[in-house]
Amino acid sequence: MPRIVYLIAGFIALGLGGIGAVLPLLPTVPFLILAAFCFARSNEALEQRLLDHPKFGVHIRLWRERGAISRKGKQAALAAFAISIAISLLFAPLPWSLAPVVAALIGGSWIWTRPER
C-alpha cells in the first residue's frame, strides 16, 4: 500500500482517537494504536511522537511488545459494554437488543484474556 494511504489512515485514526478522548463510549487507545501502526509505515516522526506521548505512549508500547491491555483499560471496556447493553435493552426491540450482549460476550472475553502490564 502506498505511504500516502497509510499517512491518511493514520490521521483518520488519530482524529477518531482524539474524539474518543472527550466522548464517552468511543475508545481512544485502540485508534491511537492503529495510528501508530499506520505512521510506522508512512512517517516515523509521527509514530515516535505517539510513542513518546506521556499518557498514551505506554499503552501503545505495551500492545506492541506483549499484546497487553492495562487492567484499567479492561475495566473501562467492560463498563462501556455494560452501558451499551443497558441502553439497548431499554430502547431496542428484541432480538436487536441482544446484539450488544453477543458483542460484549465475544469482545469482552477476548479483551479480558489479554495479558496485563
PDB file of N, CA and C in Angstrom:
ATOM      1  N   MET A   1       0.850  -1.175   0.000  1.00  0.00           N
ATOM      2  CA  MET A   1       0.000   0.000   0.000  1.00  0.00           C
ATOM      3  C   MET A   1       0.898   1.241   0.000  1.00  0.00           C
ATOM      4  N   PRO A   2       0.542   2.242  -0.744  1.00  0.00           N
ATOM      5  CA  PRO A   2       1.383   3.441  -0.796  1.00  0.00           C
ATOM      6  C   PRO A   2       1.451   4.161   0.559  1.00  0.00           C
ATOM      7  N   ARG A   3       2.579   4.831   0.766  1.00  0.00           N
ATOM      8  CA  ARG A   3       2.796   5.546   2.032  1.00  0.00           C
ATOM      9  C   ARG A   3       1.719   6.590   2.294  1.00  0.00           C
ATOM     10  N   ILE A   4       1.239   7.245   1.257  1.00  0.00           N
ATOM     11  CA  ILE A   4       0.236   8.297   1.441  1.00  0.00           C
ATOM     12  C   ILE A   4      -1.063   7.729   2.005  1.00  0.00           C
ATOM     13  N   VAL A   5      -1.412   6.511   1.611  1.00  0.00           N
ATOM     14  CA  VAL A   5      -2.632   5.879   2.128  1.00  0.00           C
ATOM     15  C   VAL A   5      -2.473   5.598   3.624  1.00  0.00           C
ATOM     16  N   TYR A   6      -1.298   5.092   4.006  1.00  0.00           N
ATOM     17  CA  TYR A   6      -1.039   4.856   5.430  1.00  0.00           C
ATOM     18  C   TYR A   6      -1.054   6.176   6.207  1.00  0.00           C
ATOM     19  N   LEU A   7      -0.502   7.221   5.625  1.00  0.00           N
ATOM     20  CA  LEU A   7      -0.478   8.515   6.290  1.00  0.00           C
ATOM     21  C   LEU A   7      -1.897   9.045   6.513  1.00  0.00           C
ATOM     22  N   ILE A   8      -2.723   8.966   5.485  1.00  0.00           N
ATOM     23  CA  ILE A   8      -4.114   9.421   5.611  1.00  0.00           C
ATOM     24  C   ILE A   8      -4.859   8.580   6.646  1.00  0.00           C
ATOM     25  N   ALA A   9      -4.696   7.263   6.577  1.00  0.00           N
ATOM     26  CA  ALA A   9      -5.350   6.379   7.549  1.00  0.00           C
ATOM     27  C   ALA A   9      -4.866   6.686   8.960  1.00  0.00           C
ATOM     28  N   GLY A  10      -3.590   6.998   9.111  1.00  0.00           N
ATOM     29  CA  GLY A  10      -3.053   7.354  10.422  1.00  0.00           C
ATOM     30  C   GLY A  10      -3.697   8.612  10.977  1.00  0.00           C
ATOM     31  N   PHE A  11      -3.861   9.613  10.138  1.00  0.00           N
ATOM     32  CA  PHE A  11      -4.504  10.851  10.600  1.00  0.00           C
ATOM     33  C   PHE A  11      -5.980  10.634  10.921  1.00  0.00           C
ATOM     34  N   ILE A  12      -6.652   9.795  10.147  1.00  0.00           N
ATOM     35  CA  ILE A  12      -8.060   9.489  10.452  1.00  0.00           C
ATOM     36  C   ILE A  12      -8.156   8.776  11.801  1.00  0.00           C
ATOM     37  N   ALA A  13      -7.297   7.785  12.011  1.00  0.00           N
ATOM     38  CA  ALA A  13      -7.302   7.059  13.290  1.00  0.00           C
ATOM     39  C   ALA A  13      -6.939   7.997  14.439  1.00  0.00           C
ATOM     40  N   LEU A  14      -5.982   8.884  14.221  1.00  0.00           N
ATOM     41  CA  LEU A  14      -5.599   9.856  15.248  1.00  0.00           C
ATOM     42  C   LEU A  14      -6.774  10.775  15.580  1.00  0.00           C
ATOM     43  N   GLY A  15      -7.489  11.214  14.555  1.00  0.00           N
ATOM     44  CA  GLY A  15      -8.666  12.065  14.779  1.00  0.00           C
ATOM     45  C   GLY A  15      -9.748  11.341  15.564  1.00  0.00           C
ATOM     46  N   LEU A  16     -10.009  10.081  15.212  1.00  0.00           N
ATOM     47  CA  LEU A  16     -11.012   9.306  15.953  1.00  0.00           C
ATOM     48  C   LEU A  16     -10.570   9.083  17.398  1.00  0.00           C
ATOM     49  N   GLY A  17      -9.273   8.858  17.592  1.00  0.00           N
ATOM     50  CA  GLY A  17      -8.756   8.722  18.952  1.00  0.00           C
ATOM     51  C   GLY A  17      -8.911  10.009  19.742  1.00  0.00           C
ATOM     52  N   GLY A  18      -8.685  11.139  19.089  1.00  0.00           N
ATOM     53  CA  GLY A  18      -8.871  12.431  19.745  1.00  0.00           C
ATOM     54  C   GLY A  18     -10.320  12.674  20.136  1.00  0.00           C
ATOM     55  N   ILE A  19     -11.235  12.284  19.256  1.00  0.00           N
ATOM     56  CA  ILE A  19     -12.660  12.398  19.578  1.00  0.00           C
ATOM     57  C   ILE A  19     -12.999  11.468  20.748  1.00  0.00           C
ATOM     58  N   GLY A  20     -12.427  10.269  20.721  1.00  0.00           N
ATOM     59  CA  GLY A  20     -12.669   9.313  21.794  1.00  0.00           C
ATOM     60  C   GLY A  20     -12.147   9.775  23.140  1.00  0.00           C
ATOM     61  N   ALA A  21     -11.160  10.665  23.130  1.00  0.00           N
ATOM     62  CA  ALA A  21     -10.620  11.175  24.392  1.00  0.00           C
ATOM     63  C   ALA A  21     -11.625  12.066  25.115  1.00  0.00           C
ATOM     64  N   VAL A  22     -12.557  12.658  24.369  1.00  0.00           N
ATOM     65  CA  VAL A  22     -13.531  13.557  25.002  1.00  0.00           C
ATOM     66  C   VAL A  22     -14.954  12.998  25.015  1.00  0.00           C
ATOM     67  N   LEU A  23     -15.245  12.018  24.169  1.00  0.00           N
ATOM     68  CA  LEU A  23     -16.587  11.432  24.147  1.00  0.00           C
ATOM     69  C   LEU A  23     -16.600  10.095  24.880  1.00  0.00           C
ATOM     70  N   PRO A  24     -17.537   9.919  25.779  1.00  0.00           N
ATOM     71  CA  PRO A  24     -17.621   8.619  26.438  1.00  0.00           C
ATOM     72  C   PRO A  24     -18.078   7.532  25.456  1.00  0.00           C
ATOM     73  N   LEU A  25     -17.676   6.324  25.697  1.00  0.00           N
ATOM     74  CA  LEU A  25     -18.015   5.120  24.942  1.00  0.00           C
ATOM     75  C   LEU A  25     -17.276   4.982  23.614  1.00  0.00           C
ATOM     76  N   LEU A  26     -16.541   6.007  23.170  1.00  0.00           N
ATOM     77  CA  LEU A  26     -15.722   5.865  21.970  1.00  0.00           C
ATOM     78  C   LEU A  26     -14.290   5.632  22.449  1.00  0.00           C
ATOM     79  N   PRO A  27     -13.685   4.517  22.062  1.00  0.00           N
ATOM     80  CA  PRO A  27     -12.350   4.214  22.582  1.00  0.00           C
ATOM     81  C   PRO A  27     -11.291   5.162  22.029  1.00  0.00           C
ATOM     82  N   THR A  28     -10.251   5.368  22.808  1.00  0.00           N
ATOM     83  CA  THR A  28      -9.151   6.231  22.400  1.00  0.00           C
ATOM     84  C   THR A  28      -7.929   5.408  22.008  1.00  0.00           C
ATOM     85  N   VAL A  29      -7.461   4.563  22.917  1.00  0.00           N
ATOM     86  CA  VAL A  29      -6.193   3.851  22.725  1.00  0.00           C
ATOM     87  C   VAL A  29      -6.205   2.940  21.497  1.00  0.00           C
ATOM     88  N   PRO A  30      -7.273   2.182  21.218  1.00  0.00           N
ATOM     89  CA  PRO A  30      -7.222   1.355  20.000  1.00  0.00           C
ATOM     90  C   PRO A  30      -7.005   2.173  18.729  1.00  0.00           C
ATOM     91  N   PHE A  31      -7.601   3.349  18.651  1.00  0.00           N
ATOM     92  CA  PHE A  31      -7.394   4.203  17.483  1.00  0.00           C
ATOM     93  C   PHE A  31      -5.966   4.741  17.445  1.00  0.00           C
ATOM     94  N   LEU A  32      -5.390   5.029  18.612  1.00  0.00           N
ATOM     95  CA  LEU A  32      -4.013   5.506  18.643  1.00  0.00           C
ATOM     96  C   LEU A  32      -3.031   4.391  18.293  1.00  0.00           C
ATOM     97  N   ILE A  33      -3.347   3.162  18.686  1.00  0.00           N
ATOM     98  CA  ILE A  33      -2.526   2.018  18.288  1.00  0.00           C
ATOM     99  C   ILE A  33      -2.565   1.868  16.764  1.00  0.00           C
ATOM    100  N   LEU A  34      -3.749   2.005  16.196  1.00  0.00           N
ATOM    101  CA  LEU A  34      -3.882   1.939  14.734  1.00  0.00           C
ATOM    102  C   LEU A  34      -3.129   3.087  14.072  1.00  0.00           C
ATOM    103  N   ALA A  35      -3.216   4.276  14.638  1.00  0.00           N
ATOM    104  CA  ALA A  35      -2.490   5.421  14.083  1.00  0.00           C
ATOM    105  C   ALA A  35      -0.984   5.172  14.115  1.00  0.00           C
ATOM    106  N   ALA A  36      -0.476   4.632  15.222  1.00  0.00           N
ATOM    107  CA  ALA A  36       0.961   4.338  15.317  1.00  0.00           C
ATOM    108  C   ALA A  36       1.365   3.305  14.274  1.00  0.00           C
ATOM    109  N   PHE A  37       0.519   2.302  14.063  1.00  0.00           N
ATOM    110  CA  PHE A  37       0.777   1.287  13.038  1.00  0.00           C
ATOM    111  C   PHE A  37       0.895   1.941  11.661  1.00  0.00           C
ATOM    112  N   CYS A  38      -0.058   2.815  11.351  1.00  0.00           N
ATOM    113  CA  CYS A  38      -0.055   3.480  10.040  1.00  0.00           C
ATOM    114  C   CYS A  38       1.132   4.436   9.903  1.00  0.00           C
ATOM    115  N   PHE A  39       1.431   5.189  10.966  1.00  0.00           N
ATOM    116  CA  PHE A  39       2.550   6.119  10.901  1.00  0.00           C
ATOM    117  C   PHE A  39       3.884   5.385  10.807  1.00  0.00           C
ATOM    118  N   ALA A  40       3.975   4.178  11.378  1.00  0.00           N
ATOM    119  CA  ALA A  40       5.213   3.394  11.274  1.00  0.00           C
ATOM    120  C   ALA A  40       5.519   3.074   9.816  1.00  0.00           C
ATOM    121  N   ARG A  41       4.493   3.029   8.987  1.00  0.00           N
ATOM    122  CA  ARG A  41       4.664   2.696   7.583  1.00  0.00           C
ATOM    123  C   ARG A  41       4.676   3.925   6.672  1.00  0.00           C
ATOM    124  N   SER A  42       4.483   5.118   7.276  1.00  0.00           N
ATOM    125  CA  SER A  42       4.418   6.300   6.434  1.00  0.00           C
ATOM    126  C   SER A  42       5.268   7.459   6.936  1.00  0.00           C
ATOM    127  N   ASN A  43       5.343   7.663   8.243  1.00  0.00           N
ATOM    128  CA  ASN A  43       6.053   8.817   8.788  1.00  0.00           C
ATOM    129  C   ASN A  43       6.569   8.463  10.179  1.00  0.00           C
ATOM    130  N   GLU A  44       7.848   8.126  10.251  1.00  0.00           N
ATOM    131  CA  GLU A  44       8.419   7.665  11.524  1.00  0.00           C
ATOM    132  C   GLU A  44       8.435   8.751  12.590  1.00  0.00           C
ATOM    133  N   ALA A  45       8.506  10.006  12.202  1.00  0.00           N
ATOM    134  CA  ALA A  45       8.500  11.098  13.181  1.00  0.00           C
ATOM    135  C   ALA A  45       7.150  11.159  13.902  1.00  0.00           C
ATOM    136  N   LEU A  46       6.054  10.989  13.161  1.00  0.00           N
ATOM    137  CA  LEU A  46       4.726  10.989  13.790  1.00  0.00           C
ATOM    138  C   LEU A  46       4.545   9.762  14.679  1.00  0.00           C
ATOM    139  N   GLU A  47       5.059   8.621  14.225  1.00  0.00           N
ATOM    140  CA  GLU A  47       4.997   7.416  15.056  1.00  0.00           C
ATOM    141  C   GLU A  47       5.732   7.655  16.378  1.00  0.00           C
ATOM    142  N   GLN A  48       6.921   8.249  16.297  1.00  0.00           N
ATOM    143  CA  GLN A  48       7.711   8.483  17.511  1.00  0.00           C
ATOM    144  C   GLN A  48       7.011   9.459  18.449  1.00  0.00           C
ATOM    145  N   ARG A  49       6.316  10.443  17.895  1.00  0.00           N
ATOM    146  CA  ARG A  49       5.565  11.380  18.756  1.00  0.00           C
ATOM    147  C   ARG A  49       4.473  10.651  19.533  1.00  0.00           C
ATOM    148  N   LEU A  50       3.806   9.698  18.872  1.00  0.00           N
ATOM    149  CA  LEU A  50       2.793   8.915  19.584  1.00  0.00           C
ATOM    150  C   LEU A  50       3.439   8.041  20.656  1.00  0.00           C
ATOM    151  N   LEU A  51       4.556   7.405  20.325  1.00  0.00           N
ATOM    152  CA  LEU A  51       5.226   6.538  21.292  1.00  0.00           C
ATOM    153  C   LEU A  51       5.774   7.324  22.477  1.00  0.00           C
ATOM    154  N   ASP A  52       6.114   8.584  22.268  1.00  0.00           N
ATOM    155  CA  ASP A  52       6.660   9.419  23.339  1.00  0.00           C
ATOM    156  C   ASP A  52       5.586  10.153  24.134  1.00  0.00           C
ATOM    157  N   HIS A  53       4.325  10.011  23.728  1.00  0.00           N
ATOM    158  CA  HIS A  53       3.250  10.721  24.425  1.00  0.00           C
ATOM    159  C   HIS A  53       3.207  10.258  25.883  1.00  0.00           C
ATOM    160  N   PRO A  54       3.140  11.199  26.834  1.00  0.00           N
ATOM    161  CA  PRO A  54       3.208  10.810  28.249  1.00  0.00           C
ATOM    162  C   PRO A  54       2.029   9.961  28.732  1.00  0.00           C
ATOM    163  N   LYS A  55       0.868  10.123  28.158  1.00  0.00           N
ATOM    164  CA  LYS A  55      -0.301   9.372  28.624  1.00  0.00           C
ATOM    165  C   LYS A  55      -0.572   8.119  27.791  1.00  0.00           C
ATOM    166  N   PHE A  56      -0.489   8.225  26.485  1.00  0.00           N
ATOM    167  CA  PHE A  56      -0.893   7.121  25.614  1.00  0.00           C
ATOM    168  C   PHE A  56       0.266   6.280  25.090  1.00  0.00           C
ATOM    169  N   GLY A  57       1.464   6.815  25.123  1.00  0.00           N
ATOM    170  CA  GLY A  57       2.615   6.092  24.599  1.00  0.00           C
ATOM    171  C   GLY A  57       2.855   4.758  25.284  1.00  0.00           C
ATOM    172  N   VAL A  58       2.664   4.724  26.579  1.00  0.00           N
ATOM    173  CA  VAL A  58       2.887   3.474  27.320  1.00  0.00           C
ATOM    174  C   VAL A  58       1.914   2.387  26.873  1.00  0.00           C
ATOM    175  N   HIS A  59       0.676   2.744  26.599  1.00  0.00           N
ATOM    176  CA  HIS A  59      -0.320   1.770  26.143  1.00  0.00           C
ATOM    177  C   HIS A  59       0.018   1.225  24.760  1.00  0.00           C
ATOM    178  N   ILE A  60       0.506   2.105  23.888  1.00  0.00           N
ATOM    179  CA  ILE A  60       0.890   1.670  22.546  1.00  0.00           C
ATOM    180  C   ILE A  60       2.071   0.703  22.626  1.00  0.00           C
ATOM    181  N   ARG A  61       3.069   1.054  23.433  1.00  0.00           N
ATOM    182  CA  ARG A  61       4.243   0.183  23.572  1.00  0.00           C
ATOM    183  C   ARG A  61       3.880  -1.158  24.205  1.00  0.00           C
ATOM    184  N   LEU A  62       3.022  -1.146  25.218  1.00  0.00           N
ATOM    185  CA  LEU A  62       2.595  -2.409  25.845  1.00  0.00           C
ATOM    186  C   LEU A  62       1.894  -3.311  24.836  1.00  0.00           C
ATOM    187  N   TRP A  63       1.055  -2.732  24.000  1.00  0.00           N
ATOM    188  CA  TRP A  63       0.351  -3.526  22.998  1.00  0.00           C
ATOM    189  C   TRP A  63       1.340  -4.101  21.989  1.00  0.00           C
ATOM    190  N   ARG A  64       2.269  -3.290  21.540  1.00  0.00           N
ATOM    191  CA  ARG A  64       3.240  -3.755  20.550  1.00  0.00           C
ATOM    192  C   ARG A  64       4.146  -4.847  21.110  1.00  0.00           C
ATOM    193  N   GLU A  65       4.574  -4.684  22.337  1.00  0.00           N
ATOM    194  CA  GLU A  65       5.549  -5.618  22.906  1.00  0.00           C
ATOM    195  C   GLU A  65       4.925  -6.934  23.346  1.00  0.00           C
ATOM    196  N   ARG A  66       3.743  -6.848  23.974  1.00  0.00           N
ATOM    197  CA  ARG A  66       3.178  -8.066  24.557  1.00  0.00           C
ATOM    198  C   ARG A  66       1.702  -8.278  24.266  1.00  0.00           C
ATOM    199  N   GLY A  67       1.097  -7.416  23.468  1.00  0.00           N
ATOM    200  CA  GLY A  67      -0.338  -7.533  23.238  1.00  0.00           C
ATOM    201  C   GLY A  67      -1.114  -7.301  24.523  1.00  0.00           C
ATOM    202  N   ALA A  68      -0.576  -6.452  25.391  1.00  0.00           N
ATOM    203  CA  ALA A  68      -1.136  -6.253  26.729  1.00  0.00           C
ATOM    204  C   ALA A  68      -2.112  -5.082  26.763  1.00  0.00           C
ATOM    205  N   ILE A  69      -3.126  -5.238  27.606  1.00  0.00           N
ATOM    206  CA  ILE A  69      -4.101  -4.189  27.885  1.00  0.00           C
ATOM    207  C   ILE A  69      -4.098  -3.992  29.398  1.00  0.00           C
ATOM    208  N   SER A  70      -4.022  -2.741  29.842  1.00  0.00           N
ATOM    209  CA  SER A  70      -3.981  -2.478  31.284  1.00  0.00           C
ATOM    210  C   SER A  70      -5.287  -2.897  31.948  1.00  0.00           C
ATOM    211  N   ARG A  71      -5.214  -3.167  33.232  1.00  0.00           N
ATOM    212  CA  ARG A  71      -6.416  -3.548  33.985  1.00  0.00           C
ATOM    213  C   ARG A  71      -7.455  -2.430  33.900  1.00  0.00           C
ATOM    214  N   LYS A  72      -7.010  -1.192  34.013  1.00  0.00           N
ATOM    215  CA  LYS A  72      -7.930  -0.055  33.932  1.00  0.00           C
ATOM    216  C   LYS A  72      -8.599  -0.001  32.555  1.00  0.00           C
ATOM    217  N   GLY A  73      -7.837  -0.278  31.497  1.00  0.00           N
ATOM    218  CA  GLY A  73      -8.403  -0.310  30.148  1.00  0.00           C
ATOM    219  C   GLY A  73      -9.428  -1.407  29.986  1.00  0.00           C
ATOM    220  N   LYS A  74      -9.134  -2.567  30.567  1.00  0.00           N
ATOM    221  CA  LYS A  74     -10.091  -3.674  30.519  1.00  0.00           C
ATOM    222  C   LYS A  74     -11.371  -3.315  31.250  1.00  0.00           C
ATOM    223  N   GLN A  75     -11.235  -2.716  32.410  1.00  0.00           N
ATOM    224  CA  GLN A  75     -12.418  -2.337  33.182  1.00  0.00           C
ATOM    225  C   GLN A  75     -13.240  -1.287  32.445  1.00  0.00           C
ATOM    226  N   ALA A  76     -12.577  -0.343  31.799  1.00  0.00           N
ATOM    227  CA  ALA A  76     -13.296   0.694  31.044  1.00  0.00           C
ATOM    228  C   ALA A  76     -14.045   0.071  29.867  1.00  0.00           C
ATOM    229  N   ALA A  77     -13.407  -0.870  29.177  1.00  0.00           N
ATOM    230  CA  ALA A  77     -14.065  -1.529  28.045  1.00  0.00           C
ATOM    231  C   ALA A  77     -15.283  -2.310  28.504  1.00  0.00           C
ATOM    232  N   LEU A  78     -15.138  -3.031  29.590  1.00  0.00           N
ATOM    233  CA  LEU A  78     -16.267  -3.816  30.088  1.00  0.00           C
ATOM    234  C   LEU A  78     -17.390  -2.919  30.605  1.00  0.00           C
ATOM    235  N   ALA A  79     -17.040  -1.780  31.194  1.00  0.00           N
ATOM    236  CA  ALA A  79     -18.072  -0.830  31.625  1.00  0.00           C
ATOM    237  C   ALA A  79     -18.822  -0.274  30.408  1.00  0.00           C
ATOM    238  N   ALA A  80     -18.096   0.026  29.333  1.00  0.00           N
ATOM    239  CA  ALA A  80     -18.742   0.512  28.114  1.00  0.00           C
ATOM    240  C   ALA A  80     -19.667  -0.549  27.528  1.00  0.00           C
ATOM    241  N   PHE A  81     -19.235  -1.812  27.559  1.00  0.00           N
ATOM    242  CA  PHE A  81     -20.111  -2.895  27.109  1.00  0.00           C
ATOM    243  C   PHE A  81     -21.386  -2.932  27.955  1.00  0.00           C
ATOM    244  N   ALA A  82     -21.239  -2.819  29.270  1.00  0.00           N
ATOM    245  CA  ALA A  82     -22.404  -2.880  30.163  1.00  0.00           C
ATOM    246  C   ALA A  82     -23.381  -1.741  29.879  1.00  0.00           C
ATOM    247  N   ILE A  83     -22.863  -0.555  29.658  1.00  0.00           N
ATOM    248  CA  ILE A  83     -23.724   0.589  29.353  1.00  0.00           C
ATOM    249  C   ILE A  83     -24.440   0.374  28.022  1.00  0.00           C
ATOM    250  N   SER A  84     -23.726  -0.135  27.031  1.00  0.00           N
ATOM    251  CA  SER A  84     -24.343  -0.409  25.725  1.00  0.00           C
ATOM    252  C   SER A  84     -25.453  -1.437  25.844  1.00  0.00           C
ATOM    253  N   ILE A  85     -25.211  -2.459  26.633  1.00  0.00           N
ATOM    254  CA  ILE A  85     -26.234  -3.490  26.837  1.00  0.00           C
ATOM    255  C   ILE A  85     -27.460  -2.890  27.509  1.00  0.00           C
ATOM    256  N   ALA A  86     -27.248  -2.095  28.542  1.00  0.00           N
ATOM    257  CA  ALA A  86     -28.374  -1.493  29.264  1.00  0.00           C
ATOM    258  C   ALA A  86     -29.201  -0.593  28.349  1.00  0.00           C
ATOM    259  N   ILE A  87     -28.535   0.227  27.560  1.00  0.00           N
ATOM    260  CA  ILE A  87     -29.246   1.129  26.649  1.00  0.00           C
ATOM    261  C   ILE A  87     -30.027   0.341  25.607  1.00  0.00           C
ATOM    262  N   SER A  88     -29.400  -0.702  25.053  1.00  0.00           N
ATOM    263  CA  SER A  88     -30.101  -1.476  24.021  1.00  0.00           C
ATOM    264  C   SER A  88     -31.286  -2.242  24.599  1.00  0.00           C
ATOM    265  N   LEU A  89     -31.144  -2.755  25.807  1.00  0.00           N
ATOM    266  CA  LEU A  89     -32.267  -3.469  26.422  1.00  0.00           C
ATOM    267  C   LEU A  89     -33.436  -2.531  26.735  1.00  0.00           C
ATOM    268  N   LEU A  90     -33.119  -1.274  27.008  1.00  0.00           N
ATOM    269  CA  LEU A  90     -34.172  -0.301  27.293  1.00  0.00           C
ATOM    270  C   LEU A  90     -34.877   0.208  26.035  1.00  0.00           C
ATOM    271  N   PHE A  91     -34.115   0.378  24.949  1.00  0.00           N
ATOM    272  CA  PHE A  91     -34.670   1.097  23.808  1.00  0.00           C
ATOM    273  C   PHE A  91     -34.842   0.285  22.523  1.00  0.00           C
ATOM    274  N   ALA A  92     -34.207  -0.844  22.409  1.00  0.00           N
ATOM    275  CA  ALA A  92     -34.292  -1.617  21.167  1.00  0.00           C
ATOM    276  C   ALA A  92     -35.209  -2.821  21.362  1.00  0.00           C
ATOM    277  N   PRO A  93     -35.981  -3.153  20.333  1.00  0.00           N
ATOM    278  CA  PRO A  93     -36.849  -4.329  20.453  1.00  0.00           C
ATOM    279  C   PRO A  93     -36.032  -5.623  20.315  1.00  0.00           C
ATOM    280  N   LEU A  94     -36.602  -6.683  20.855  1.00  0.00           N
ATOM    281  CA  LEU A  94     -35.986  -7.998  20.666  1.00  0.00           C
ATOM    282  C   LEU A  94     -36.103  -8.379  19.203  1.00  0.00           C
ATOM    283  N   PRO A  95     -35.235  -9.045  18.575  1.00  0.00           N
ATOM    284  CA  PRO A  95     -33.978  -9.613  19.057  1.00  0.00           C
ATOM    285  C   PRO A  95     -32.809  -8.652  18.936  1.00  0.00           C
ATOM    286  N   TRP A  96     -33.045  -7.421  18.417  1.00  0.00           N
ATOM    287  CA  TRP A  96     -31.955  -6.472  18.192  1.00  0.00           C
ATOM    288  C   TRP A  96     -31.288  -6.047  19.479  1.00  0.00           C
ATOM    289  N   SER A  97     -32.014  -6.035  20.559  1.00  0.00           N
ATOM    290  CA  SER A  97     -31.425  -5.622  21.830  1.00  0.00           C
ATOM    291  C   SER A  97     -30.407  -6.637  22.347  1.00  0.00           C
ATOM    292  N   LEU A  98     -30.396  -7.835  21.774  1.00  0.00           N
ATOM    293  CA  LEU A  98     -29.434  -8.854  22.207  1.00  0.00           C
ATOM    294  C   LEU A  98     -28.097  -8.760  21.477  1.00  0.00           C
ATOM    295  N   ALA A  99     -28.029  -7.986  20.411  1.00  0.00           N
ATOM    296  CA  ALA A  99     -26.774  -7.858  19.652  1.00  0.00           C
ATOM    297  C   ALA A  99     -25.626  -7.334  20.521  1.00  0.00           C
ATOM    298  N   PRO A 100     -25.839  -6.293  21.342  1.00  0.00           N
ATOM    299  CA  PRO A 100     -24.742  -5.855  22.214  1.00  0.00           C
ATOM    300  C   PRO A 100     -24.342  -6.911  23.248  1.00  0.00           C
ATOM    301  N   VAL A 101     -25.276  -7.741  23.648  1.00  0.00           N
ATOM    302  CA  VAL A 101     -24.940  -8.816  24.599  1.00  0.00           C
ATOM    303  C   VAL A 101     -23.969  -9.788  23.933  1.00  0.00           C
ATOM    304  N   VAL A 102     -24.260 -10.159  22.703  1.00  0.00           N
ATOM    305  CA  VAL A 102     -23.378 -11.081  21.970  1.00  0.00           C
ATOM    306  C   VAL A 102     -22.009 -10.423  21.742  1.00  0.00           C
ATOM    307  N   ALA A 103     -22.019  -9.149  21.324  1.00  0.00           N
ATOM    308  CA  ALA A 103     -20.754  -8.440  21.095  1.00  0.00           C
ATOM    309  C   ALA A 103     -19.943  -8.338  22.387  1.00  0.00           C
ATOM    310  N   ALA A 104     -20.620  -8.088  23.506  1.00  0.00           N
ATOM    311  CA  ALA A 104     -19.921  -7.987  24.786  1.00  0.00           C
ATOM    312  C   ALA A 104     -19.333  -9.324  25.206  1.00  0.00           C
ATOM    313  N   LEU A 105     -20.070 -10.397  24.970  1.00  0.00           N
ATOM    314  CA  LEU A 105     -19.544 -11.717  25.330  1.00  0.00           C
ATOM    315  C   LEU A 105     -18.318 -12.070  24.502  1.00  0.00           C
ATOM    316  N   ILE A 106     -18.377 -11.793  23.217  1.00  0.00           N
ATOM    317  CA  ILE A 106     -17.236 -12.119  22.344  1.00  0.00           C
ATOM    318  C   ILE A 106     -16.082 -11.147  22.594  1.00  0.00           C
ATOM    319  N   GLY A 107     -16.352  -9.869  22.467  1.00  0.00           N
ATOM    320  CA  GLY A 107     -15.293  -8.864  22.636  1.00  0.00           C
ATOM    321  C   GLY A 107     -14.755  -8.799  24.047  1.00  0.00           C
ATOM    322  N   GLY A 108     -15.643  -8.873  25.021  1.00  0.00           N
ATOM    323  CA  GLY A 108     -15.217  -8.812  26.418  1.00  0.00           C
ATOM    324  C   GLY A 108     -14.361  -9.990  26.827  1.00  0.00           C
ATOM    325  N   SER A 109     -14.714 -11.169  26.353  1.00  0.00           N
ATOM    326  CA  SER A 109     -13.897 -12.331  26.713  1.00  0.00           C
ATOM    327  C   SER A 109     -12.519 -12.240  26.056  1.00  0.00           C
ATOM    328  N   TRP A 110     -12.453 -11.721  24.838  1.00  0.00           N
ATOM    329  CA  TRP A 110     -11.152 -11.545  24.192  1.00  0.00           C
ATOM    330  C   TRP A 110     -10.318 -10.510  24.937  1.00  0.00           C
ATOM    331  N   ILE A 111     -10.937  -9.387  25.271  1.00  0.00           N
ATOM    332  CA  ILE A 111     -10.224  -8.327  25.993  1.00  0.00           C
ATOM    333  C   ILE A 111      -9.709  -8.835  27.328  1.00  0.00           C
ATOM    334  N   TRP A 112     -10.547  -9.547  28.070  1.00  0.00           N
ATOM    335  CA  TRP A 112     -10.162  -9.985  29.405  1.00  0.00           C
ATOM    336  C   TRP A 112      -9.044 -11.036  29.374  1.00  0.00           C
ATOM    337  N   THR A 113      -8.883 -11.754  28.267  1.00  0.00           N
ATOM    338  CA  THR A 113      -7.814 -12.764  28.191  1.00  0.00           C
ATOM    339  C   THR A 113      -6.482 -12.185  27.741  1.00  0.00           C
ATOM    340  N   ARG A 114      -6.422 -10.901  27.379  1.00  0.00           N
ATOM    341  CA  ARG A 114      -5.148 -10.283  27.004  1.00  0.00           C
ATOM    342  C   ARG A 114      -4.292 -10.128  28.257  1.00  0.00           C
ATOM    343  N   PRO A 115      -2.976 -10.240  28.110  1.00  0.00           N
ATOM    344  CA  PRO A 115      -2.105 -10.042  29.277  1.00  0.00           C
ATOM    345  C   PRO A 115      -2.157  -8.604  29.772  1.00  0.00           C
ATOM    346  N   GLU A 116      -1.772  -8.425  31.011  1.00  0.00           N
ATOM    347  CA  GLU A 116      -1.685  -7.088  31.593  1.00  0.00           C
ATOM    348  C   GLU A 116      -0.221  -6.723  31.769  1.00  0.00           C
ATOM    349  N   ARG A 117       0.043  -5.501  32.005  1.00  0.00           N
ATOM    350  CA  ARG A 117       1.402  -4.981  32.191  1.00  0.00           C
ATOM    351  C   ARG A 117       2.324  -6.083  32.511  1.00  0.00           C
TER     352      ARG A 117
END
